[in-house]
N, C-alpha and C. Protein backbone atom coordinates (compact mmCIF):
# COMPACT_ATOMS: atom_id res chain seq x y z
N UNK A 1 -41.52 -33.93 -62.33
CA UNK A 1 -41.52 -32.50 -62.41
C UNK A 1 -41.38 -31.88 -61.02
N UNK A 2 -41.98 -32.47 -60.02
CA UNK A 2 -41.89 -31.93 -58.66
C UNK A 2 -40.45 -31.91 -58.18
N UNK A 3 -39.69 -32.94 -58.50
CA UNK A 3 -38.29 -32.99 -58.09
C UNK A 3 -37.50 -31.87 -58.75
N UNK A 4 -37.76 -31.60 -60.02
CA UNK A 4 -37.07 -30.52 -60.74
C UNK A 4 -37.39 -29.17 -60.10
N UNK A 5 -38.65 -28.92 -59.76
CA UNK A 5 -39.05 -27.66 -59.14
C UNK A 5 -38.40 -27.51 -57.77
N UNK A 6 -38.33 -28.58 -57.02
CA UNK A 6 -37.70 -28.55 -55.70
C UNK A 6 -36.21 -28.25 -55.82
N UNK A 7 -35.56 -28.88 -56.80
CA UNK A 7 -34.13 -28.65 -57.02
C UNK A 7 -33.87 -27.20 -57.42
N UNK A 8 -34.69 -26.65 -58.30
CA UNK A 8 -34.53 -25.26 -58.72
C UNK A 8 -34.77 -24.30 -57.56
N UNK A 9 -35.77 -24.57 -56.74
CA UNK A 9 -36.05 -23.71 -55.59
C UNK A 9 -34.89 -23.74 -54.61
N UNK A 10 -34.31 -24.92 -54.37
CA UNK A 10 -33.18 -25.03 -53.45
C UNK A 10 -31.97 -24.29 -54.01
N UNK A 11 -31.72 -24.40 -55.30
CA UNK A 11 -30.59 -23.70 -55.92
C UNK A 11 -30.78 -22.19 -55.82
N UNK A 12 -31.98 -21.72 -56.02
CA UNK A 12 -32.26 -20.28 -55.90
C UNK A 12 -32.03 -19.81 -54.47
N UNK A 13 -32.46 -20.59 -53.50
CA UNK A 13 -32.26 -20.22 -52.10
C UNK A 13 -30.78 -20.24 -51.74
N UNK A 14 -30.04 -21.22 -52.23
CA UNK A 14 -28.60 -21.28 -51.98
C UNK A 14 -27.90 -20.06 -52.55
N UNK A 15 -28.33 -19.60 -53.72
CA UNK A 15 -27.76 -18.40 -54.34
C UNK A 15 -28.04 -17.19 -53.48
N UNK A 16 -29.26 -17.07 -52.97
CA UNK A 16 -29.61 -15.94 -52.10
C UNK A 16 -28.77 -15.96 -50.83
N UNK A 17 -28.54 -17.13 -50.27
CA UNK A 17 -27.79 -17.26 -49.02
C UNK A 17 -26.32 -16.90 -49.17
N UNK A 18 -25.75 -17.08 -50.37
CA UNK A 18 -24.33 -16.84 -50.56
C UNK A 18 -24.03 -15.51 -51.25
N UNK A 19 -25.05 -14.75 -51.61
CA UNK A 19 -24.86 -13.46 -52.26
C UNK A 19 -24.23 -12.48 -51.29
N UNK A 20 -23.21 -11.75 -51.76
CA UNK A 20 -22.58 -10.73 -50.93
C UNK A 20 -23.55 -9.56 -50.76
N UNK A 21 -23.47 -8.93 -49.61
CA UNK A 21 -24.33 -7.79 -49.32
C UNK A 21 -23.47 -6.56 -49.04
N UNK A 22 -23.90 -5.43 -49.55
CA UNK A 22 -23.24 -4.17 -49.21
C UNK A 22 -23.64 -3.79 -47.79
N UNK A 23 -24.86 -4.14 -47.42
CA UNK A 23 -25.36 -3.91 -46.06
C UNK A 23 -26.42 -4.95 -45.76
N UNK A 24 -26.41 -5.45 -44.55
CA UNK A 24 -27.43 -6.40 -44.11
C UNK A 24 -27.90 -5.95 -42.73
N UNK A 25 -29.18 -5.69 -42.63
CA UNK A 25 -29.80 -5.27 -41.38
C UNK A 25 -30.73 -6.40 -40.96
N UNK A 26 -30.47 -6.98 -39.80
CA UNK A 26 -31.25 -8.14 -39.36
C UNK A 26 -31.93 -7.89 -38.02
N UNK A 27 -33.24 -7.82 -38.06
CA UNK A 27 -34.08 -7.72 -36.85
C UNK A 27 -33.60 -6.59 -35.91
N UNK A 28 -33.34 -5.43 -36.49
CA UNK A 28 -32.83 -4.30 -35.71
C UNK A 28 -33.97 -3.55 -35.05
N UNK A 29 -33.77 -3.28 -33.77
CA UNK A 29 -34.67 -2.42 -33.00
C UNK A 29 -33.82 -1.38 -32.29
N UNK A 30 -34.39 -0.21 -32.08
CA UNK A 30 -33.69 0.86 -31.38
C UNK A 30 -34.69 1.60 -30.50
N UNK A 31 -34.31 1.76 -29.25
CA UNK A 31 -35.14 2.54 -28.33
C UNK A 31 -34.25 3.54 -27.59
N UNK A 32 -34.86 4.62 -27.16
CA UNK A 32 -34.18 5.66 -26.42
C UNK A 32 -34.86 5.84 -25.08
N UNK A 33 -34.07 6.05 -24.05
CA UNK A 33 -34.61 6.30 -22.71
C UNK A 33 -34.60 7.79 -22.45
N UNK A 34 -35.66 8.29 -21.84
CA UNK A 34 -35.77 9.70 -21.51
C UNK A 34 -36.59 9.88 -20.25
N UNK A 35 -36.85 11.12 -19.89
CA UNK A 35 -37.61 11.39 -18.67
C UNK A 35 -39.02 10.79 -18.69
N UNK A 36 -39.59 10.67 -19.90
CA UNK A 36 -40.94 10.11 -20.01
C UNK A 36 -40.94 8.59 -20.14
N UNK A 37 -39.75 7.98 -20.07
CA UNK A 37 -39.66 6.53 -20.20
C UNK A 37 -38.92 6.14 -21.47
N UNK A 38 -39.07 4.88 -21.85
CA UNK A 38 -38.39 4.36 -23.03
C UNK A 38 -39.29 4.50 -24.25
N UNK A 39 -38.70 5.02 -25.33
CA UNK A 39 -39.45 5.19 -26.58
C UNK A 39 -38.85 4.29 -27.64
N UNK A 40 -39.64 3.38 -28.19
CA UNK A 40 -39.21 2.48 -29.27
C UNK A 40 -39.30 3.23 -30.58
N UNK A 41 -38.16 3.39 -31.25
CA UNK A 41 -38.10 4.16 -32.50
C UNK A 41 -38.10 3.24 -33.71
N UNK A 42 -37.33 2.15 -33.67
CA UNK A 42 -37.31 1.15 -34.73
C UNK A 42 -37.65 -0.19 -34.13
N UNK A 43 -38.49 -0.96 -34.80
CA UNK A 43 -38.93 -2.24 -34.25
C UNK A 43 -38.81 -3.34 -35.30
N UNK A 44 -37.82 -4.23 -35.11
CA UNK A 44 -37.63 -5.43 -35.94
C UNK A 44 -37.51 -5.11 -37.43
N UNK A 45 -36.53 -4.28 -37.78
CA UNK A 45 -36.29 -3.90 -39.17
C UNK A 45 -35.27 -4.86 -39.78
N UNK A 46 -35.58 -5.40 -40.96
CA UNK A 46 -34.66 -6.26 -41.70
C UNK A 46 -34.59 -5.78 -43.14
N UNK A 47 -33.36 -5.74 -43.68
CA UNK A 47 -33.15 -5.25 -45.04
C UNK A 47 -31.80 -5.76 -45.54
N UNK A 48 -31.77 -6.23 -46.77
CA UNK A 48 -30.53 -6.61 -47.44
C UNK A 48 -30.32 -5.67 -48.62
N UNK A 49 -29.13 -5.11 -48.72
CA UNK A 49 -28.78 -4.23 -49.83
C UNK A 49 -27.62 -4.87 -50.58
N UNK A 50 -27.82 -5.13 -51.87
CA UNK A 50 -26.79 -5.75 -52.70
C UNK A 50 -25.78 -4.70 -53.15
N UNK A 51 -24.56 -5.13 -53.44
CA UNK A 51 -23.56 -4.19 -53.95
C UNK A 51 -24.07 -3.50 -55.23
N UNK A 52 -23.93 -2.19 -55.29
CA UNK A 52 -24.38 -1.43 -56.44
C UNK A 52 -25.86 -1.10 -56.45
N UNK A 53 -26.60 -1.63 -55.50
CA UNK A 53 -28.04 -1.37 -55.44
C UNK A 53 -28.29 0.02 -54.87
N UNK A 54 -29.29 0.70 -55.36
CA UNK A 54 -29.67 2.03 -54.92
C UNK A 54 -30.93 1.91 -54.08
N UNK A 55 -30.88 2.39 -52.84
CA UNK A 55 -32.01 2.27 -51.92
C UNK A 55 -32.40 3.64 -51.41
N UNK A 56 -33.69 3.90 -51.32
CA UNK A 56 -34.20 5.16 -50.79
C UNK A 56 -35.08 4.87 -49.59
N UNK A 57 -34.90 5.65 -48.52
CA UNK A 57 -35.76 5.55 -47.35
C UNK A 57 -36.76 6.70 -47.40
N UNK A 58 -38.03 6.36 -47.38
CA UNK A 58 -39.08 7.36 -47.41
C UNK A 58 -39.95 7.21 -46.17
N UNK A 59 -40.40 8.32 -45.64
CA UNK A 59 -41.31 8.27 -44.50
C UNK A 59 -41.52 9.64 -43.93
N UNK A 60 -42.49 9.73 -43.07
CA UNK A 60 -42.84 10.99 -42.43
C UNK A 60 -41.74 11.42 -41.46
N UNK A 61 -41.76 12.68 -41.12
CA UNK A 61 -40.82 13.22 -40.15
C UNK A 61 -40.96 12.47 -38.83
N UNK A 62 -39.82 12.04 -38.27
CA UNK A 62 -39.84 11.36 -36.98
C UNK A 62 -40.11 9.87 -37.03
N UNK A 63 -40.07 9.26 -38.23
CA UNK A 63 -40.40 7.83 -38.32
C UNK A 63 -39.19 6.92 -38.14
N UNK A 64 -37.95 7.49 -38.08
CA UNK A 64 -36.77 6.67 -37.82
C UNK A 64 -35.78 6.56 -38.95
N UNK A 65 -35.96 7.31 -40.03
CA UNK A 65 -35.04 7.23 -41.18
C UNK A 65 -33.61 7.59 -40.76
N UNK A 66 -33.44 8.72 -40.12
CA UNK A 66 -32.10 9.17 -39.70
C UNK A 66 -31.51 8.23 -38.65
N UNK A 67 -32.34 7.72 -37.78
CA UNK A 67 -31.87 6.77 -36.77
C UNK A 67 -31.31 5.52 -37.45
N UNK A 68 -32.01 5.00 -38.43
CA UNK A 68 -31.54 3.82 -39.16
C UNK A 68 -30.23 4.12 -39.89
N UNK A 69 -30.13 5.26 -40.53
CA UNK A 69 -28.89 5.62 -41.23
C UNK A 69 -27.73 5.79 -40.25
N UNK A 70 -27.98 6.36 -39.08
CA UNK A 70 -26.94 6.48 -38.06
C UNK A 70 -26.46 5.11 -37.59
N UNK A 71 -27.37 4.14 -37.51
CA UNK A 71 -26.99 2.78 -37.13
C UNK A 71 -26.13 2.14 -38.22
N UNK A 72 -26.53 2.30 -39.47
CA UNK A 72 -25.79 1.72 -40.59
C UNK A 72 -24.39 2.34 -40.68
N UNK A 73 -24.30 3.64 -40.41
CA UNK A 73 -23.01 4.34 -40.48
C UNK A 73 -22.11 4.03 -39.28
N UNK A 74 -22.66 3.38 -38.26
CA UNK A 74 -21.87 3.05 -37.09
C UNK A 74 -21.79 4.18 -36.08
N UNK A 75 -22.62 5.21 -36.22
CA UNK A 75 -22.62 6.33 -35.29
C UNK A 75 -23.40 6.01 -34.01
N UNK A 76 -24.20 4.97 -34.06
CA UNK A 76 -24.98 4.52 -32.91
C UNK A 76 -25.09 3.01 -32.98
N UNK A 77 -25.53 2.38 -31.92
CA UNK A 77 -25.69 0.92 -31.88
C UNK A 77 -27.14 0.55 -31.69
N UNK A 78 -27.57 -0.54 -32.33
CA UNK A 78 -28.96 -0.96 -32.16
C UNK A 78 -29.19 -1.52 -30.75
N UNK A 79 -30.42 -1.39 -30.28
CA UNK A 79 -30.80 -1.99 -29.01
C UNK A 79 -30.87 -3.50 -29.15
N UNK A 80 -31.31 -3.96 -30.32
CA UNK A 80 -31.39 -5.39 -30.62
C UNK A 80 -31.11 -5.59 -32.10
N UNK A 81 -30.69 -6.78 -32.48
CA UNK A 81 -30.42 -7.10 -33.87
C UNK A 81 -28.99 -6.82 -34.26
N UNK A 82 -28.69 -6.94 -35.55
CA UNK A 82 -27.32 -6.73 -36.02
C UNK A 82 -27.31 -6.04 -37.38
N UNK A 83 -26.21 -5.34 -37.63
CA UNK A 83 -26.00 -4.66 -38.91
C UNK A 83 -24.64 -5.12 -39.44
């Protein structure tokens, strides 16, 4: 039984690894430099969005929602990570 469970777990992981993504955000960080120094706005954000999936970003004012969307749209570049 252990071998069967291991085989199923590996097959599930292989499926996850080969699934197409509409968007993939991997370890993205973004900081801005200003007169008061560097401000870290996003820190190590990771997210996979499947084709046809509906995703909502919720958070308080100034938490980085618009910054993340600007990065996904290609209007800005992350300080670290990839999109």
